[in-house]
Amino acid sequence: MKRLSLRHEAYVIHVQTWRKTAMTLVNLNRLTVAYSGVVALKNVSFQIGAGEIVTIVGPNGSGKTTLLKAIIGAIVPQEGNVDVKSGLKIGYVPQRLNLDPTLPISVGRFMRLSDNVSKKECQRALEQAGVAEIMTKQMSELSGGQLQRVLLARALLGSPEMLILDEATQGLDQPGAAEFYKQIEKLREETGCAILMISHDLHVVMSASDRVICLNGHICCSGTPQAVAATPEYKELFGADTDGALALYRHNHDHKHDHNDKNPANSIEATH
């Protein structure tokens, strides 16, 4: 497996590795990662297909950060492998941005800091992120929700085939997180971009996700959000009151998502 090059400034990863199939963007096969003999991830296998939304949930210390690092090639697993589609471009949305609040920098200038992109391209990305009107606004004046939209817009520069959202709604209230997820779903519809979301915030998980994977050092269970919320494995991790722990963001739309199985009871996979 080749190490991927992650350019933090542009939040874009350029990948030149093995191509599995036309529809598979990322393939994890029996991934095991350990630090100083302590196993962080064990025997993790799943795929991310083109245009698919996959949400990884789990408590702190469950291996989510390790999984992300393995996917982008920042760490090498002790066992198993991560294969990605040849030439895949990934847009990365971090959970926070460490920016000096006294630094006088506009959103437009921030968008063009390290990329050879035009003002038109920046404006289009901001429109896709749902904040078209803030190009001239100072970064220090942005609300938490606006800042996350700007980071999302920056990740969209270069038209990635896949977005990785690393705790992207951390610090947002539940309505703000729901609106952010709604924008993410709209992006998938408009661009066909695959989306991998990493989160420990179980208050809002999109019901539009094709799969939710519950992680705790290994894959405890996976399936639709409704199916995962009903599993004993999930309840053991997060408590029996899953209605309180996992509120599914519901929305009205006139399109259909291509789930393999519409019956949540038949779309669950548990790993012991």
Protein backbone atom coordinates (compact mmCIF):
# COMPACT_ATOMS: atom_id res chain seq x y z
CA MET A 1 0.00 0.00 0.00
CA LYS A 2 1.33 3.41 -0.93
CA ARG A 3 1.27 6.25 1.55
CA LEU A 4 -1.15 8.98 0.57
CA SER A 5 -0.17 12.62 0.45
CA LEU A 6 -2.45 14.79 2.58
CA ARG A 7 -2.15 18.52 1.93
CA HIS A 8 -3.67 20.07 5.05
CA GLU A 9 -3.74 23.58 3.59
CA ALA A 10 -6.02 22.59 0.73
CA TYR A 11 -7.71 19.74 2.53
CA VAL A 12 -7.30 17.64 -0.61
CA ILE A 13 -5.67 14.24 -0.83
CA HIS A 14 -4.33 13.05 -4.16
CA VAL A 15 -4.25 9.28 -4.32
CA GLN A 16 -2.32 7.20 -6.82
CA THR A 17 -2.81 3.58 -5.87
CA TRP A 18 -4.47 0.35 -6.86
CA ARG A 19 -7.85 0.37 -8.58
CA LYS A 20 -10.20 -2.40 -7.37
CA THR A 21 -13.40 -1.81 -9.33
CA ALA A 22 -14.99 1.11 -11.12
CA MET A 23 -17.54 1.53 -8.32
CA THR A 24 -15.34 0.88 -5.28
CA LEU A 25 -13.45 3.95 -4.07
CA VAL A 26 -11.98 2.57 -0.84
CA ASN A 27 -11.60 -1.04 0.26
CA LEU A 28 -10.45 -1.98 3.79
CA ASN A 29 -9.58 -5.63 4.18
CA ARG A 30 -9.04 -7.15 7.66
CA LEU A 31 -7.32 -4.00 8.91
CA THR A 32 -5.47 -4.28 12.22
CA VAL A 33 -3.54 -1.39 13.80
CA ALA A 34 -1.65 -1.40 17.10
CA TYR A 35 0.35 1.18 19.03
CA SER A 36 3.17 -0.16 21.24
CA GLY A 37 1.49 -3.54 21.33
CA VAL A 38 -1.95 -2.14 22.19
CA VAL A 39 -4.52 -2.96 19.50
CA ALA A 40 -6.51 0.09 18.36
CA LEU A 41 -8.33 -1.56 15.46
CA LYS A 42 -8.79 -5.25 14.82
CA ASN A 43 -9.95 -7.03 11.69
CA VAL A 44 -11.86 -4.07 10.20
CA SER A 45 -13.27 -4.64 6.72
CA PHE A 46 -15.65 -2.50 4.67
CA GLN A 47 -15.91 -0.71 1.34
CA ILE A 48 -16.99 2.76 0.29
CA GLY A 49 -18.65 2.94 -3.09
CA ALA A 50 -18.99 5.86 -5.48
CA GLY A 51 -21.75 8.21 -4.34
CA GLU A 52 -22.25 6.37 -1.05
CA ILE A 53 -22.68 8.04 2.35
CA VAL A 54 -21.06 6.08 5.18
CA THR A 55 -21.13 7.28 8.79
CA ILE A 56 -18.70 5.94 11.39
CA VAL A 57 -19.92 6.33 14.97
CA GLY A 58 -18.31 5.26 18.20
CA PRO A 59 -17.29 6.48 21.66
CA ASN A 60 -14.02 8.25 22.39
CA GLY A 61 -11.15 5.82 22.08
CA SER A 62 -13.03 3.54 19.72
CA GLY A 63 -10.46 3.85 16.93
CA LYS A 64 -12.17 6.42 14.69
CA THR A 65 -9.09 8.65 14.38
CA THR A 66 -6.89 5.62 13.76
CA LEU A 67 -9.26 4.45 11.05
CA LEU A 68 -9.13 7.84 9.34
CA LYS A 69 -5.33 7.89 9.47
CA ALA A 70 -5.23 4.42 7.95
CA ILE A 71 -7.54 5.43 5.11
CA ILE A 72 -5.45 8.48 4.17
CA GLY A 73 -2.20 6.52 4.54
CA ALA A 74 -0.87 8.41 7.57
CA ILE A 75 -0.23 5.11 9.36
CA VAL A 76 0.64 1.64 8.12
CA PRO A 77 -1.44 -1.24 9.53
CA GLN A 78 0.19 -4.25 11.16
CA GLU A 79 -2.18 -6.52 9.27
CA GLY A 80 -4.57 -6.10 6.37
CA ASN A 81 -4.58 -3.35 3.82
CA VAL A 82 -6.36 -0.26 2.52
CA ASP A 83 -6.80 -0.04 -1.24
CA VAL A 84 -8.22 2.96 -3.06
CA LYS A 85 -9.30 3.75 -6.59
CA SER A 86 -6.49 4.94 -8.83
CA GLY A 87 -6.32 8.74 -9.04
CA LEU A 88 -8.93 9.26 -6.34
CA LYS A 89 -9.23 12.82 -5.02
CA ILE A 90 -10.48 13.23 -1.46
CA GLY A 91 -11.69 16.45 0.10
CA TYR A 92 -11.02 16.64 3.83
CA VAL A 93 -13.09 18.68 6.30
CA PRO A 94 -11.38 18.92 9.71
CA GLN A 95 -13.21 19.23 13.00
CA ARG A 96 -11.64 22.60 13.77
CA LEU A 97 -9.37 25.27 12.36
CA ASN A 98 -6.62 26.86 14.43
CA LEU A 99 -6.60 30.38 13.04
CA ASP A 100 -5.38 33.49 14.86
CA PRO A 101 -8.59 35.50 15.47
CA THR A 102 -6.63 38.74 15.17
CA LEU A 103 -5.45 37.87 11.66
CA PRO A 104 -7.26 40.10 9.13
CA ILE A 105 -8.23 37.59 6.46
CA SER A 106 -11.42 37.38 4.45
CA VAL A 107 -13.19 34.18 3.49
CA GLY A 108 -12.25 34.71 -0.14
CA ARG A 109 -8.57 35.11 0.69
CA PHE A 110 -8.65 32.08 2.97
CA MET A 111 -10.16 30.02 0.16
CA ARG A 112 -7.25 30.95 -2.11
CA LEU A 113 -4.39 30.68 0.41
CA SER A 114 -2.50 27.77 -1.14
CA ASP A 115 -4.39 26.80 -4.25
CA ASN A 116 -4.19 28.19 -7.75
CA VAL A 117 -7.94 28.73 -7.90
CA SER A 118 -9.99 31.57 -9.30
CA LYS A 119 -12.48 33.76 -7.49
CA LYS A 120 -15.20 32.14 -9.60
CA GLU A 121 -14.19 28.66 -8.43
CA CYS A 122 -14.20 29.82 -4.82
CA GLN A 123 -17.63 31.38 -5.21
CA ARG A 124 -19.01 28.19 -6.73
CA ALA A 125 -17.61 26.10 -3.86
CA LEU A 126 -19.15 28.47 -1.31
CA GLU A 127 -22.48 28.18 -3.11
CA GLN A 128 -22.24 24.39 -2.97
CA ALA A 129 -21.58 24.65 0.76
CA GLY A 130 -24.61 26.90 1.24
CA VAL A 131 -22.77 30.13 2.16
CA ALA A 132 -22.52 31.99 -1.13
CA GLU A 133 -22.97 35.39 0.52
CA ILE A 134 -19.95 35.44 2.83
CA MET A 135 -17.03 35.70 0.36
CA THR A 136 -16.00 39.15 1.68
CA LYS A 137 -16.70 38.47 5.34
CA GLN A 138 -13.79 38.27 7.80
CA MET A 139 -12.97 34.78 9.07
CA SER A 140 -13.01 36.10 12.63
CA GLU A 141 -16.64 37.17 12.20
CA LEU A 142 -17.97 33.74 11.24
CA SER A 143 -20.25 31.71 13.45
CA GLY A 144 -19.33 28.10 14.16
CA GLY A 145 -21.76 26.88 11.53
CA GLN A 146 -20.48 29.32 8.92
CA LEU A 147 -16.88 28.32 9.61
CA GLN A 148 -17.68 24.65 9.04
CA ARG A 149 -19.37 25.56 5.75
CA VAL A 150 -16.24 27.45 4.67
CA LEU A 151 -14.07 24.44 5.50
CA LEU A 152 -16.49 22.32 3.50
CA ALA A 153 -16.27 24.73 0.58
CA ARG A 154 -12.48 24.60 0.68
CA ALA A 155 -12.61 20.80 0.59
CA LEU A 156 -14.80 21.01 -2.52
CA LEU A 157 -12.15 22.88 -4.51
CA GLY A 158 -10.80 20.48 -7.08
CA SER A 159 -14.06 18.53 -7.37
CA PRO A 160 -13.21 15.57 -5.10
CA GLU A 161 -14.83 12.18 -5.67
CA MET A 162 -15.02 11.59 -1.93
CA LEU A 163 -15.37 13.81 1.13
CA ILE A 164 -14.08 12.89 4.59
CA LEU A 165 -15.73 14.79 7.45
CA ASP A 166 -13.76 14.43 10.67
CA GLU A 167 -16.13 15.34 13.53
CA ALA A 168 -17.30 18.19 11.31
CA THR A 169 -20.30 19.11 13.48
CA GLN A 170 -18.42 19.18 16.79
CA GLY A 171 -19.40 22.33 18.67
CA LEU A 172 -22.60 22.88 16.68
CA ASP A 173 -25.99 22.60 18.34
CA GLN A 174 -28.40 19.94 17.14
CA PRO A 175 -30.32 22.18 14.68
CA GLY A 176 -27.02 23.46 13.28
CA ALA A 177 -25.71 19.92 12.86
CA ALA A 178 -28.94 18.85 11.17
CA GLU A 179 -28.68 21.74 8.69
CA PHE A 180 -25.06 20.86 7.99
CA TYR A 181 -25.98 17.23 7.30
CA LYS A 182 -28.81 18.38 5.04
CA GLN A 183 -26.27 20.34 2.99
CA ILE A 184 -24.03 17.28 2.81
CA GLU A 185 -26.88 15.19 1.44
CA LYS A 186 -27.64 17.89 -1.12
CA LEU A 187 -23.99 17.83 -2.20
CA ARG A 188 -24.16 14.08 -2.75
CA GLU A 189 -27.26 14.52 -4.88
CA GLU A 190 -25.72 17.30 -6.97
CA THR A 191 -22.18 15.98 -7.41
CA GLY A 192 -22.36 12.21 -6.85
CA CYS A 193 -19.53 12.57 -4.34
CA ALA A 194 -19.06 9.75 -1.83
CA ILE A 195 -19.01 10.86 1.80
CA LEU A 196 -17.34 9.32 4.85
CA MET A 197 -18.36 10.95 8.13
CA ILE A 198 -16.53 10.32 11.41
CA SER A 199 -18.41 11.22 14.58
CA HIS A 200 -18.76 10.53 18.28
CA ASP A 201 -21.76 12.86 18.49
CA LEU A 202 -24.69 10.45 18.41
CA HIS A 203 -27.41 13.08 18.74
CA VAL A 204 -27.82 13.53 15.00
CA VAL A 205 -26.99 10.94 12.35
CA MET A 206 -28.43 11.28 8.88
CA SER A 207 -31.12 8.77 8.04
CA ALA A 208 -30.00 9.38 4.46
CA SER A 209 -26.77 7.49 5.18
CA ASP A 210 -26.46 4.35 3.15
CA ARG A 211 -24.67 2.74 6.10
CA VAL A 212 -23.80 3.50 9.69
CA ILE A 213 -20.83 1.58 11.06
CA CYS A 214 -20.55 1.32 14.83
CA LEU A 215 -16.91 1.10 15.83
CA ASN A 216 -15.33 0.10 19.14
CA GLY A 217 -11.90 -1.20 18.23
CA HIS A 218 -13.68 -3.45 15.75
CA ILE A 219 -16.91 -3.19 13.78
CA CYS A 220 -19.66 -3.96 16.28
CA CYS A 221 -22.48 -3.64 13.78
CA SER A 222 -23.37 -1.89 10.56
CA GLY A 223 -26.47 -1.15 8.54
CA THR A 224 -29.06 1.60 8.18
CA PRO A 225 -29.22 4.10 11.08
CA GLN A 226 -32.55 2.64 12.18
CA ALA A 227 -31.18 -0.89 12.14
CA VAL A 228 -27.98 -0.01 13.99
CA ALA A 229 -29.91 1.86 16.70
CA ALA A 230 -31.91 -1.32 17.40
CA THR A 231 -28.98 -3.71 17.80
CA PRO A 232 -27.87 -5.15 21.16
CA GLU A 233 -24.27 -4.20 20.28
CA TYR A 234 -25.20 -0.55 19.89
CA LYS A 235 -27.33 -0.51 23.01
CA GLU A 236 -24.52 -2.09 25.02
CA LEU A 237 -22.18 0.72 23.97
CA PHE A 238 -24.52 3.69 24.25
CA GLY A 239 -27.33 2.59 26.55
CA ALA A 240 -30.77 1.12 26.08
CA ASP A 241 -32.39 4.50 25.40
CA THR A 242 -31.28 4.68 21.79
CA ASP A 243 -34.04 7.15 20.94
CA GLY A 244 -32.25 9.63 23.18
CA ALA A 245 -28.75 8.64 22.17
CA LEU A 246 -29.26 8.46 18.43
CA ALA A 247 -31.75 10.92 16.96
CA LEU A 248 -32.16 10.30 13.29
CA TYR A 249 -32.26 13.44 11.18
CA ARG A 250 -35.39 13.01 9.08
CA HIS A 251 -36.22 15.00 6.03
CA ASN A 252 -38.78 15.22 3.26
CA HIS A 253 -37.52 14.63 -0.25
CA ASP A 254 -38.81 13.42 -3.57
CA HIS A 255 -35.88 11.18 -4.47
CA LYS A 256 -34.94 7.64 -3.59
CA HIS A 257 -31.70 6.36 -2.08
CA ASP A 258 -30.31 3.17 -3.51
CA HIS A 259 -30.26 0.99 -0.42
CA ASN A 260 -29.77 -2.70 -1.06
CA ASP A 261 -32.53 -3.56 1.37
CA LYS A 262 -35.32 -1.21 2.43
CA ASN A 263 -36.22 -3.31 5.48
CA PRO A 264 -34.03 -2.19 8.42
CA ALA A 265 -34.46 -5.57 10.07
CA ASN A 266 -32.81 -7.21 7.09
CA SER A 267 -30.05 -4.64 6.56
CA ILE A 268 -27.94 -5.14 9.65
CA GLU A 269 -24.57 -6.77 10.05
CA ALA A 270 -23.08 -7.50 13.47
CA THR A 271 -19.51 -8.53 14.13
CA HIS A 272 -18.52 -10.16 17.39
